[in-house]
Amino acid sequence: MSRPRLRLLHQLARSGGTVINRLLLTQARAVVLSEVHPDGFANLDPLAQAHHWFGLLSAAERAELAARNAVSYAEAMTLIARKAARARRPLIVRDWSHLDFMPFDLGLSPAMESRQAALLADFEPIRVATVRHPLDQWLSLAAMMSAEGRPPGRAALEQYLDGCLAFARMAAAVGFVRYEAIIADPAAGMAVLCDRLGIGFDVAALSRWRDQQTISTGAVEGRAGGSDRLEALPRRPAPPHLEHFLARDRRYGAICDVLGYE
């Protein structure tokens, strides 16, 4: 039996993924599994999302799977993909890419490549990434970690820069859309993203993005993710010592170069 089509959307934390997820859910009756990953299966279960959010699995099917007591991530994704294909709904897997590139305090070694893409290679997935300016992303990450009681130090910044550069190179290889472009012109930006994902685009449907709540997001909500407006927010103030450090760091310069940021 041929495998149904699957799409992987690679996103790092605090890069605008929640807003983009909500916009995607307005298009083509898309099923978007939110922030799922083979190493995060115990925390964010794609089977639960497929059942509760999209009705792809019945309560009886969920009970049967639970009774088996051990369903691999690959088995779960195969089942969900077949269910979505039968329902004629495009399946998009919003990859929890953070676990591969900068798994702060999670006891994981950064793979510096997509484990999910490797595991699901038999699907020959369509792969796309969305990205955000590395300084804005870091400032948002630092604010989130501080709010959670674990303010980041130099080691976390080093891990961020290493992971962000590896992610940027992967994004350049698979193709990417900038978060800033989507916020500046949602119709144009989402048209590009939907085209790269191979799903239909309906500009009028974007107006329903505020109603979309089938998303997973961090415990500390982002400034834009929970908003009911699409707008570019001013950059959080960056400490002068951070700006000085980044201006001299080769990784930061390389990230900006690869992603086309100044």
Protein backbone atom coordinates (compact mmCIF):
# COMPACT_ATOMS: atom_id res chain seq x y z
CA MET A 1 0.00 0.00 0.00
CA SER A 2 1.41 3.40 -0.96
CA ARG A 3 1.94 5.87 1.83
CA PRO A 4 -0.28 8.98 1.92
CA ARG A 5 1.30 12.39 1.51
CA LEU A 6 2.69 14.06 4.59
CA ARG A 7 4.06 17.58 5.07
CA LEU A 8 6.67 18.61 7.64
CA LEU A 9 6.73 22.21 8.82
CA HIS A 10 9.95 22.85 10.72
CA GLN A 11 9.81 25.60 13.35
CA LEU A 12 11.88 26.61 16.35
CA ALA A 13 10.30 27.89 19.55
CA ARG A 14 9.49 31.61 19.76
CA SER A 15 9.69 32.06 16.01
CA GLY A 16 6.03 32.89 15.36
CA GLY A 17 4.91 29.29 14.94
CA THR A 18 1.69 29.70 16.94
CA VAL A 19 0.39 32.51 14.73
CA ILE A 20 1.42 30.64 11.58
CA ASN A 21 -0.29 27.48 12.89
CA ARG A 22 -3.54 29.41 13.41
CA LEU A 23 -3.35 30.85 9.90
CA LEU A 24 -2.69 27.42 8.38
CA LEU A 25 -5.74 25.95 10.08
CA THR A 26 -7.96 28.22 7.97
CA GLN A 27 -6.73 26.65 4.74
CA ALA A 28 -7.94 23.61 2.79
CA ARG A 29 -9.44 21.89 5.87
CA ALA A 30 -5.85 21.25 6.94
CA VAL A 31 -5.00 18.91 9.80
CA VAL A 32 -2.07 20.48 11.64
CA LEU A 33 -0.48 18.31 14.31
CA SER A 34 1.07 20.90 16.58
CA GLU A 35 4.59 20.69 18.05
CA VAL A 36 4.92 16.93 17.78
CA HIS A 37 8.19 15.02 17.65
CA PRO A 38 9.42 11.43 18.14
CA ASP A 39 11.30 12.46 21.30
CA GLY A 40 8.28 14.35 22.65
CA PHE A 41 5.73 11.57 22.09
CA ALA A 42 5.06 11.22 25.82
CA ASN A 43 4.33 14.94 26.20
CA LEU A 44 2.46 15.87 23.02
CA ASP A 45 0.63 12.88 21.55
CA PRO A 46 -0.32 13.24 17.87
CA LEU A 47 -2.98 10.54 18.32
CA ALA A 48 -4.71 12.65 20.97
CA GLN A 49 -4.61 15.69 18.70
CA ALA A 50 -5.96 13.69 15.76
CA HIS A 51 -8.83 12.44 17.92
CA HIS A 52 -9.79 15.48 19.99
CA TRP A 53 -9.02 18.27 17.54
CA PHE A 54 -9.82 16.79 14.14
CA GLY A 55 -12.04 13.75 14.74
CA LEU A 56 -9.80 11.48 12.67
CA LEU A 57 -9.85 8.74 15.32
CA SER A 58 -12.96 7.53 17.13
CA ALA A 59 -13.11 6.99 20.88
CA ALA A 60 -13.17 3.24 20.23
CA GLU A 61 -10.02 3.43 18.12
CA ARG A 62 -8.29 5.45 20.81
CA ALA A 63 -9.28 2.87 23.43
CA GLU A 64 -8.00 0.04 21.23
CA LEU A 65 -4.65 1.77 20.77
CA ALA A 66 -4.40 2.45 24.50
CA ALA A 67 -5.07 -1.23 25.20
CA ARG A 68 -2.09 -2.17 23.04
CA ASN A 69 0.02 -0.15 25.48
CA ALA A 70 2.84 0.49 23.01
CA VAL A 71 2.35 2.26 19.71
CA SER A 72 5.47 3.61 18.10
CA TYR A 73 5.62 7.16 16.82
CA ALA A 74 6.00 5.93 13.24
CA GLU A 75 2.93 3.69 13.62
CA ALA A 76 0.93 6.59 15.02
CA MET A 77 1.89 8.90 12.17
CA THR A 78 1.11 6.24 9.56
CA LEU A 79 -2.36 5.72 11.01
CA ILE A 80 -3.07 9.46 11.20
CA ALA A 81 -1.80 10.03 7.66
CA ARG A 82 -4.09 7.32 6.28
CA LYS A 83 -7.07 8.70 8.19
CA ALA A 84 -6.39 12.22 6.92
CA ALA A 85 -6.03 10.94 3.35
CA ARG A 86 -9.37 9.13 3.55
CA ALA A 87 -11.00 12.32 4.84
CA ARG A 88 -9.35 14.23 1.95
CA ARG A 89 -7.67 16.57 4.39
CA PRO A 90 -4.03 17.66 3.95
CA LEU A 91 -1.84 16.59 6.87
CA ILE A 92 0.78 19.03 8.14
CA VAL A 93 3.11 18.03 10.95
CA ARG A 94 4.31 21.10 12.83
CA ASP A 95 7.67 19.73 13.89
CA TRP A 96 8.86 20.44 17.43
CA SER A 97 12.26 21.24 15.95
CA HIS A 98 13.55 22.71 19.20
CA LEU A 99 14.28 19.19 20.46
CA ASP A 100 16.74 18.62 17.60
CA PHE A 101 18.62 21.89 17.72
CA MET A 102 18.44 23.47 21.21
CA PRO A 103 16.78 21.18 23.79
CA PHE A 104 17.46 23.40 26.80
CA ASP A 105 17.34 21.48 30.10
CA LEU A 106 15.51 18.50 28.55
CA GLY A 107 18.28 15.92 28.88
CA LEU A 108 18.59 15.47 25.10
CA SER A 109 21.67 15.78 22.97
CA PRO A 110 21.07 18.12 20.03
CA ALA A 111 21.11 16.11 16.81
CA MET A 112 21.59 19.26 14.69
CA GLU A 113 19.33 17.69 12.08
CA SER A 114 15.68 16.69 11.94
CA ARG A 115 15.10 13.36 13.66
CA GLN A 116 11.49 13.48 12.51
CA ALA A 117 12.44 13.86 8.85
CA ALA A 118 14.75 10.85 9.16
CA LEU A 119 12.13 8.71 10.91
CA LEU A 120 9.40 9.58 8.40
CA ALA A 121 11.65 9.42 5.33
CA ASP A 122 9.55 6.63 3.79
CA PHE A 123 6.71 9.13 3.42
CA GLU A 124 8.96 11.30 1.24
CA PRO A 125 7.49 14.30 3.06
CA ILE A 126 7.18 17.79 1.65
CA ARG A 127 9.40 19.85 3.92
CA VAL A 128 9.29 23.60 4.58
CA ALA A 129 10.59 25.78 7.42
CA THR A 130 9.52 29.11 8.83
CA VAL A 131 12.13 31.36 10.43
CA ARG A 132 12.44 34.55 12.45
CA HIS A 133 15.21 37.10 12.93
CA PRO A 134 17.69 35.42 15.31
CA LEU A 135 17.91 38.37 17.71
CA ASP A 136 14.14 38.67 18.08
CA GLN A 137 13.88 34.93 18.58
CA TRP A 138 16.58 34.86 21.25
CA LEU A 139 15.08 37.80 23.16
CA SER A 140 11.70 36.04 23.17
CA LEU A 141 13.33 32.79 24.32
CA ALA A 142 15.21 34.57 27.07
CA ALA A 143 12.01 36.27 28.26
CA MET A 144 10.18 32.93 28.29
CA MET A 145 12.96 31.14 30.19
CA SER A 146 13.15 33.98 32.73
CA ALA A 147 9.38 33.85 33.25
CA GLU A 148 9.72 30.12 33.93
CA GLY A 149 12.33 30.78 36.62
CA ARG A 150 15.37 29.69 34.61
CA PRO A 151 16.98 32.85 33.21
CA PRO A 152 19.44 31.87 30.47
CA GLY A 153 23.17 32.35 30.89
CA ARG A 154 26.07 32.25 28.48
CA ALA A 155 25.84 28.47 28.01
CA ALA A 156 22.23 28.76 26.82
CA LEU A 157 23.15 31.53 24.38
CA GLU A 158 25.98 29.38 23.01
CA GLN A 159 23.60 26.44 22.57
CA TYR A 160 21.09 28.73 20.89
CA LEU A 161 23.61 30.07 18.38
CA ASP A 162 24.93 26.61 17.51
CA GLY A 163 21.40 25.23 17.09
CA CYS A 164 20.05 28.24 15.24
CA LEU A 165 22.86 28.10 12.69
CA ALA A 166 22.29 24.38 12.06
CA PHE A 167 18.55 25.01 11.74
CA ALA A 168 19.12 27.94 9.36
CA ARG A 169 21.23 25.72 7.09
CA MET A 170 18.53 23.04 7.11
CA ALA A 171 15.88 25.68 6.39
CA ALA A 172 17.88 26.94 3.43
CA ALA A 173 18.14 23.39 2.11
CA VAL A 174 14.41 22.60 2.32
CA GLY A 175 13.10 26.12 1.64
CA PHE A 176 11.72 28.62 4.14
CA VAL A 177 9.32 31.52 4.62
CA ARG A 178 10.11 34.34 7.03
CA TYR A 179 7.71 35.03 9.88
CA GLU A 180 8.17 38.74 9.29
CA ALA A 181 6.98 38.41 5.68
CA ILE A 182 3.81 36.64 6.82
CA ILE A 183 3.05 39.28 9.45
CA ALA A 184 3.76 42.16 7.07
CA ASP A 185 1.44 40.76 4.39
CA PRO A 186 -0.51 37.70 5.58
CA ALA A 187 -2.16 37.09 2.22
CA ALA A 188 1.09 37.12 0.25
CA GLY A 189 3.12 35.30 2.90
CA MET A 190 0.57 32.54 3.45
CA ALA A 191 0.08 32.11 -0.30
CA VAL A 192 3.79 31.31 -0.57
CA LEU A 193 3.74 28.96 2.42
CA CYS A 194 0.65 27.08 1.23
CA ASP A 195 2.14 26.74 -2.24
CA ARG A 196 5.32 25.24 -0.83
CA LEU A 197 3.29 22.87 1.34
CA GLY A 198 1.22 21.84 -1.68
CA ILE A 199 -2.16 22.79 -0.24
CA GLY A 200 -4.87 25.06 -1.62
CA PHE A 201 -4.95 28.70 -0.58
CA ASP A 202 -8.07 30.76 0.07
CA VAL A 203 -7.29 34.38 0.93
CA ALA A 204 -10.82 35.01 2.22
CA ALA A 205 -10.53 32.15 4.73
CA LEU A 206 -7.61 33.87 6.48
CA SER A 207 -10.11 36.11 8.26
CA ARG A 208 -11.07 33.12 10.42
CA TRP A 209 -7.60 32.75 11.94
CA ARG A 210 -8.64 34.20 15.32
CA ASP A 211 -11.07 31.32 15.82
CA GLN A 212 -8.41 28.64 15.47
CA GLN A 213 -7.45 27.21 18.87
CA THR A 214 -6.29 23.68 18.00
CA ILE A 215 -2.67 24.51 18.74
CA SER A 216 0.01 23.62 21.21
CA THR A 217 2.16 26.42 22.53
CA GLY A 218 4.54 27.07 25.37
CA ALA A 219 3.38 27.49 28.95
CA VAL A 220 4.44 31.14 28.67
CA GLU A 221 2.37 32.63 25.88
CA GLY A 222 4.13 34.71 23.26
CA ARG A 223 3.20 38.32 22.68
CA ALA A 224 1.80 37.65 19.22
CA GLY A 225 0.62 34.06 19.57
CA GLY A 226 -2.27 34.92 21.87
CA SER A 227 -3.17 38.19 20.20
CA ASP A 228 -6.22 38.80 18.04
CA ARG A 229 -4.27 41.11 15.73
CA LEU A 230 -1.64 40.42 13.09
CA GLU A 231 1.00 43.06 13.51
CA ALA A 232 4.75 43.40 13.73
CA LEU A 233 5.68 44.02 17.35
CA PRO A 234 8.60 46.25 18.33
CA ARG A 235 11.75 44.39 19.27
CA ARG A 236 12.30 43.81 22.96
CA PRO A 237 15.21 45.95 24.18
CA ALA A 238 18.51 44.10 23.80
CA PRO A 239 21.18 44.67 26.45
CA PRO A 240 24.20 46.51 25.00
CA HIS A 241 26.56 43.69 26.01
CA LEU A 242 24.44 41.20 24.04
CA GLU A 243 24.45 43.39 20.93
CA HIS A 244 28.23 43.77 21.25
CA PHE A 245 28.72 40.01 21.63
CA LEU A 246 26.49 39.12 18.67
CA ALA A 247 28.10 41.72 16.42
CA ARG A 248 31.41 39.87 16.86
CA ASP A 249 30.06 36.31 16.77
CA ARG A 250 30.59 34.46 13.47
CA ARG A 251 27.58 32.18 14.04
CA TYR A 252 25.19 35.10 14.40
CA GLY A 253 26.51 36.68 11.22
CA ALA A 254 26.22 33.36 9.39
CA ILE A 255 22.60 32.87 10.53
CA CYS A 256 21.66 36.31 9.23
CA ASP A 257 23.45 35.66 5.96
CA VAL A 258 21.83 32.25 5.38
CA LEU A 259 18.34 33.54 6.15
CA GLY A 260 18.72 36.88 4.42
CA TYR A 261 18.47 39.11 7.50
CA GLU A 262 20.52 42.23 8.08
